């Protein structure tokens, strides 16, 4: 949801969402925006069903 609805997580100044304001700007190049992290505002989430991890440990 941070990518599809960033206004719910980040401040909005003059109508512009201030994404990644919680991370120093020098690190912004390290933010992964490749699929499935490439959601744009208004896009549907990459996955809508909950994922669960199952293990077959004995």
PDB file of N, CA and C in Angstrom:
ATOM      1  N   UNK A   1       0.800  -1.192   0.000  1.00  0.00           N
ATOM      2  CA  UNK A   1       0.000   0.000   0.000  1.00  0.00           C
ATOM      3  C   UNK A   1       0.848   1.264   0.000  1.00  0.00           C
ATOM      4  N   UNK A   2       2.075   1.165   0.419  1.00  0.00           N
ATOM      5  CA  UNK A   2       2.904   2.373   0.405  1.00  0.00           C
ATOM      6  C   UNK A   2       3.096   2.916  -1.005  1.00  0.00           C
ATOM      7  N   UNK A   3       3.077   2.024  -1.986  1.00  0.00           N
ATOM      8  CA  UNK A   3       3.247   2.478  -3.363  1.00  0.00           C
ATOM      9  C   UNK A   3       1.928   2.855  -4.023  1.00  0.00           C
ATOM     10  N   UNK A   4       0.858   2.142  -3.706  1.00  0.00           N
ATOM     11  CA  UNK A   4      -0.422   2.430  -4.354  1.00  0.00           C
ATOM     12  C   UNK A   4      -1.181   3.559  -3.669  1.00  0.00           C
ATOM     13  N   UNK A   5      -0.960   3.765  -2.382  1.00  0.00           N
ATOM     14  CA  UNK A   5      -1.616   4.827  -1.629  1.00  0.00           C
ATOM     15  C   UNK A   5      -0.608   5.500  -0.690  1.00  0.00           C
ATOM     16  N   UNK A   6       0.420   6.130  -1.240  1.00  0.00           N
ATOM     17  CA  UNK A   6       1.479   6.685  -0.395  1.00  0.00           C
ATOM     18  C   UNK A   6       0.994   7.788   0.537  1.00  0.00           C
ATOM     19  N   UNK A   7      -0.095   8.456   0.195  1.00  0.00           N
ATOM     20  CA  UNK A   7      -0.599   9.533   1.043  1.00  0.00           C
ATOM     21  C   UNK A   7      -1.074   9.031   2.410  1.00  0.00           C
ATOM     22  N   UNK A   8      -1.281   7.723   2.534  1.00  0.00           N
ATOM     23  CA  UNK A   8      -1.666   7.150   3.818  1.00  0.00           C
ATOM     24  C   UNK A   8      -0.463   6.949   4.732  1.00  0.00           C
ATOM     25  N   UNK A   9       0.743   6.985   4.175  1.00  0.00           N
ATOM     26  CA  UNK A   9       1.953   6.706   4.942  1.00  0.00           C
ATOM     27  C   UNK A   9       2.906   7.888   5.041  1.00  0.00           C
ATOM     28  N   UNK A  10       2.892   8.749   4.025  1.00  0.00           N
ATOM     29  CA  UNK A  10       3.837   9.857   3.962  1.00  0.00           C
ATOM     30  C   UNK A  10       3.110  11.192   3.998  1.00  0.00           C
ATOM     31  N   UNK A  11       3.794  12.249   4.445  1.00  0.00           N
ATOM     32  CA  UNK A  11       3.158  13.563   4.473  1.00  0.00           C
ATOM     33  C   UNK A  11       2.915  14.106   3.062  1.00  0.00           C
ATOM     34  N   UNK A  12       1.928  14.981   2.958  1.00  0.00           N
ATOM     35  CA  UNK A  12       1.594  15.629   1.690  1.00  0.00           C
ATOM     36  C   UNK A  12       1.815  17.129   1.874  1.00  0.00           C
ATOM     37  N   UNK A  13       2.662  17.713   1.026  1.00  0.00           N
ATOM     38  CA  UNK A  13       2.934  19.154   1.074  1.00  0.00           C
ATOM     39  C   UNK A  13       2.555  19.761  -0.257  1.00  0.00           C
ATOM     40  N   UNK A  14       1.671  20.741  -0.229  1.00  0.00           N
ATOM     41  CA  UNK A  14       1.222  21.423  -1.443  1.00  0.00           C
ATOM     42  C   UNK A  14       0.681  20.446  -2.470  1.00  0.00           C
ATOM     43  N   UNK A  15      -0.004  19.402  -1.993  1.00  0.00           N
ATOM     44  CA  UNK A  15      -0.615  18.419  -2.879  1.00  0.00           C
ATOM     45  C   UNK A  15       0.335  17.364  -3.419  1.00  0.00           C
ATOM     46  N   UNK A  16       1.594  17.357  -2.961  1.00  0.00           N
ATOM     47  CA  UNK A  16       2.587  16.388  -3.436  1.00  0.00           C
ATOM     48  C   UNK A  16       2.996  15.479  -2.279  1.00  0.00           C
ATOM     49  N   UNK A  17       2.900  14.179  -2.506  1.00  0.00           N
ATOM     50  CA  UNK A  17       3.291  13.214  -1.476  1.00  0.00           C
ATOM     51  C   UNK A  17       4.804  13.218  -1.338  1.00  0.00           C
ATOM     52  N   UNK A  18       5.272  13.321  -0.112  1.00  0.00           N
ATOM     53  CA  UNK A  18       6.708  13.337   0.171  1.00  0.00           C
ATOM     54  C   UNK A  18       7.175  11.917   0.471  1.00  0.00           C
ATOM     55  N   UNK A  19       7.231  11.082  -0.600  1.00  0.00           N
ATOM     56  CA  UNK A  19       7.620   9.681  -0.423  1.00  0.00           C
ATOM     57  C   UNK A  19       9.042   9.574   0.097  1.00  0.00           C
ATOM     58  N   UNK A  20       9.245   8.579   0.913  1.00  0.00           N
ATOM     59  CA  UNK A  20      10.558   8.229   1.464  1.00  0.00           C
ATOM     60  C   UNK A  20      11.149   9.324   2.336  1.00  0.00           C
ATOM     61  N   UNK A  21      10.302  10.182   2.910  1.00  0.00           N
ATOM     62  CA  UNK A  21      10.812  11.243   3.772  1.00  0.00           C
ATOM     63  C   UNK A  21      11.464  10.696   5.036  1.00  0.00           C
ATOM     64  N   UNK A  22      11.230   9.413   5.323  1.00  0.00           N
ATOM     65  CA  UNK A  22      11.811   8.789   6.500  1.00  0.00           C
ATOM     66  C   UNK A  22      13.183   8.175   6.218  1.00  0.00           C
ATOM     67  N   UNK A  23      13.698   8.366   5.010  1.00  0.00           N
ATOM     68  CA  UNK A  23      14.984   7.824   4.603  1.00  0.00           C
ATOM     69  C   UNK A  23      15.844   8.960   4.048  1.00  0.00           C
ATOM     70  N   UNK A  24      17.098   9.088   4.494  1.00  0.00           N
ATOM     71  CA  UNK A  24      17.950  10.149   3.947  1.00  0.00           C
ATOM     72  C   UNK A  24      18.031  10.057   2.418  1.00  0.00           C
ATOM     73  N   UNK A  25      17.986  11.208   1.770  1.00  0.00           N
ATOM     74  CA  UNK A  25      17.957  11.265   0.298  1.00  0.00           C
ATOM     75  C   UNK A  25      19.138  10.538  -0.339  1.00  0.00           C
ATOM     76  N   UNK A  26      20.274  10.497   0.340  1.00  0.00           N
ATOM     77  CA  UNK A  26      21.446   9.825  -0.241  1.00  0.00           C
ATOM     78  C   UNK A  26      21.217   8.324  -0.438  1.00  0.00           C
ATOM     79  N   UNK A  27      20.198   7.752   0.219  1.00  0.00           N
ATOM     80  CA  UNK A  27      19.907   6.330   0.087  1.00  0.00           C
ATOM     81  C   UNK A  27      18.778   6.027  -0.889  1.00  0.00           C
ATOM     82  N   UNK A  28      18.145   7.040  -1.448  1.00  0.00           N
ATOM     83  CA  UNK A  28      16.998   6.825  -2.330  1.00  0.00           C
ATOM     84  C   UNK A  28      17.335   5.975  -3.547  1.00  0.00           C
ATOM     85  N   UNK A  29      18.560   6.034  -4.036  1.00  0.00           N
ATOM     86  CA  UNK A  29      18.949   5.205  -5.189  1.00  0.00           C
ATOM     87  C   UNK A  29      18.911   3.717  -4.864  1.00  0.00           C
ATOM     88  N   UNK A  30      18.922   3.373  -3.587  1.00  0.00           N
ATOM     89  CA  UNK A  30      18.905   1.965  -3.180  1.00  0.00           C
ATOM     90  C   UNK A  30      17.497   1.400  -3.034  1.00  0.00           C
ATOM     91  N   UNK A  31      16.484   2.213  -3.236  1.00  0.00           N
ATOM     92  CA  UNK A  31      15.102   1.751  -3.084  1.00  0.00           C
ATOM     93  C   UNK A  31      14.728   0.883  -4.273  1.00  0.00           C
ATOM     94  N   UNK A  32      14.259  -0.321  -3.984  1.00  0.00           N
ATOM     95  CA  UNK A  32      13.886  -1.269  -5.032  1.00  0.00           C
ATOM     96  C   UNK A  32      12.486  -0.943  -5.544  1.00  0.00           C
ATOM     97  N   UNK A  33      12.385  -0.599  -6.827  1.00  0.00           N
ATOM     98  CA  UNK A  33      11.081  -0.312  -7.435  1.00  0.00           C
ATOM     99  C   UNK A  33      10.767  -1.280  -8.565  1.00  0.00           C
ATOM    100  N   UNK A  34      11.522  -2.384  -8.630  1.00  0.00           N
ATOM    101  CA  UNK A  34      11.254  -3.407  -9.642  1.00  0.00           C
ATOM    102  C   UNK A  34      10.076  -4.264  -9.187  1.00  0.00           C
ATOM    103  N   UNK A  35       9.406  -4.937 -10.146  1.00  0.00           N
ATOM    104  CA  UNK A  35       8.254  -5.762  -9.775  1.00  0.00           C
ATOM    105  C   UNK A  35       8.620  -6.748  -8.668  1.00  0.00           C
ATOM    106  N   UNK A  36       7.791  -6.955  -7.706  1.00  0.00           N
ATOM    107  CA  UNK A  36       6.439  -6.422  -7.517  1.00  0.00           C
ATOM    108  C   UNK A  36       6.416  -5.096  -6.775  1.00  0.00           C
ATOM    109  N   UNK A  37       7.545  -4.398  -6.666  1.00  0.00           N
ATOM    110  CA  UNK A  37       7.620  -3.138  -5.933  1.00  0.00           C
ATOM    111  C   UNK A  37       7.426  -1.926  -6.835  1.00  0.00           C
ATOM    112  N   UNK A  38       6.846  -2.129  -8.004  1.00  0.00           N
ATOM    113  CA  UNK A  38       6.711  -1.057  -8.993  1.00  0.00           C
ATOM    114  C   UNK A  38       5.311  -0.462  -9.050  1.00  0.00           C
ATOM    115  N   UNK A  39       4.520  -0.643  -8.014  1.00  0.00           N
ATOM    116  CA  UNK A  39       3.141  -0.152  -8.027  1.00  0.00           C
ATOM    117  C   UNK A  39       3.110   1.364  -8.136  1.00  0.00           C
ATOM    118  N   UNK A  40       2.208   1.850  -8.944  1.00  0.00           N
ATOM    119  CA  UNK A  40       1.993   3.289  -9.110  1.00  0.00           C
ATOM    120  C   UNK A  40       0.716   3.666  -8.382  1.00  0.00           C
ATOM    121  N   UNK A  41       0.554   4.918  -8.085  1.00  0.00           N
ATOM    122  CA  UNK A  41      -0.628   5.400  -7.388  1.00  0.00           C
ATOM    123  C   UNK A  41      -1.894   4.973  -8.127  1.00  0.00           C
ATOM    124  N   UNK A  42      -2.798   4.333  -7.423  1.00  0.00           N
ATOM    125  CA  UNK A  42      -4.053   3.879  -8.003  1.00  0.00           C
ATOM    126  C   UNK A  42      -4.022   2.482  -8.567  1.00  0.00           C
ATOM    127  N   UNK A  43      -2.818   1.880  -8.726  1.00  0.00           N
ATOM    128  CA  UNK A  43      -2.718   0.506  -9.224  1.00  0.00           C
ATOM    129  C   UNK A  43      -3.260  -0.463  -8.178  1.00  0.00           C
ATOM    130  N   UNK A  44      -3.707  -1.608  -8.652  1.00  0.00           N
ATOM    131  CA  UNK A  44      -4.115  -2.665  -7.741  1.00  0.00           C
ATOM    132  C   UNK A  44      -2.870  -3.257  -7.094  1.00  0.00           C
ATOM    133  N   UNK A  45      -2.996  -3.765  -5.870  1.00  0.00           N
ATOM    134  CA  UNK A  45      -1.847  -4.419  -5.234  1.00  0.00           C
ATOM    135  C   UNK A  45      -1.352  -5.599  -6.069  1.00  0.00           C
ATOM    136  N   UNK A  46      -0.072  -5.916  -5.976  1.00  0.00           N
ATOM    137  CA  UNK A  46       0.505  -7.022  -6.740  1.00  0.00           C
ATOM    138  C   UNK A  46      -0.135  -8.346  -6.355  1.00  0.00           C
ATOM    139  N   UNK A  47      -0.520  -8.472  -5.103  1.00  0.00           N
ATOM    140  CA  UNK A  47      -1.158  -9.700  -4.637  1.00  0.00           C
ATOM    141  C   UNK A  47      -2.311  -9.308  -3.728  1.00  0.00           C
ATOM    142  N   UNK A  48      -3.464  -9.905  -3.966  1.00  0.00           N
ATOM    143  CA  UNK A  48      -4.618  -9.557  -3.149  1.00  0.00           C
ATOM    144  C   UNK A  48      -4.950 -10.627  -2.125  1.00  0.00           C
ATOM    145  N   UNK A  49      -4.455 -11.827  -2.324  1.00  0.00           N
ATOM    146  CA  UNK A  49      -4.737 -12.858  -1.334  1.00  0.00           C
ATOM    147  C   UNK A  49      -3.574 -12.958  -0.349  1.00  0.00           C
ATOM    148  N   UNK A  50      -3.891 -13.231   0.901  1.00  0.00           N
ATOM    149  CA  UNK A  50      -2.821 -13.344   1.899  1.00  0.00           C
ATOM    150  C   UNK A  50      -1.897 -14.507   1.590  1.00  0.00           C
ATOM    151  N   UNK A  51      -0.641 -14.282   1.856  1.00  0.00           N
ATOM    152  CA  UNK A  51       0.338 -15.342   1.651  1.00  0.00           C
ATOM    153  C   UNK A  51       0.661 -15.953   2.999  1.00  0.00           C
ATOM    154  N   UNK A  52       0.837 -17.245   3.021  1.00  0.00           N
ATOM    155  CA  UNK A  52       1.232 -17.898   4.270  1.00  0.00           C
ATOM    156  C   UNK A  52       2.396 -18.829   3.981  1.00  0.00           C
ATOM    157  N   UNK A  53       3.210 -18.955   4.976  1.00  0.00           N
ATOM    158  CA  UNK A  53       4.353 -19.855   4.852  1.00  0.00           C
ATOM    159  C   UNK A  53       4.010 -21.136   5.574  1.00  0.00           C
ATOM    160  N   UNK A  54       4.204 -22.204   4.889  1.00  0.00           N
ATOM    161  CA  UNK A  54       3.982 -23.502   5.528  1.00  0.00           C
ATOM    162  C   UNK A  54       5.284 -24.259   5.492  1.00  0.00           C
ATOM    163  N   UNK A  55       5.502 -24.991   6.516  1.00  0.00           N
ATOM    164  CA  UNK A  55       6.718 -25.803   6.515  1.00  0.00           C
ATOM    165  C   UNK A  55       6.327 -27.242   6.809  1.00  0.00           C
ATOM    166  N   UNK A  56       7.109 -28.128   6.311  1.00  0.00           N
ATOM    167  CA  UNK A  56       6.843 -29.550   6.513  1.00  0.00           C
ATOM    168  C   UNK A  56       7.903 -30.139   7.424  1.00  0.00           C
ATOM    169  N   UNK A  57       8.176 -29.411   8.505  1.00  0.00           N
ATOM    170  CA  UNK A  57       9.178 -29.896   9.469  1.00  0.00           C
ATOM    171  C   UNK A  57       8.611 -31.077  10.246  1.00  0.00           C
ATOM    172  N   UNK A  58       9.469 -32.036  10.508  1.00  0.00           N
ATOM    173  CA  UNK A  58       9.040 -33.214  11.273  1.00  0.00           C
ATOM    174  C   UNK A  58       9.639 -33.204  12.641  1.00  0.00           C
TER     175      UNK A  58
END
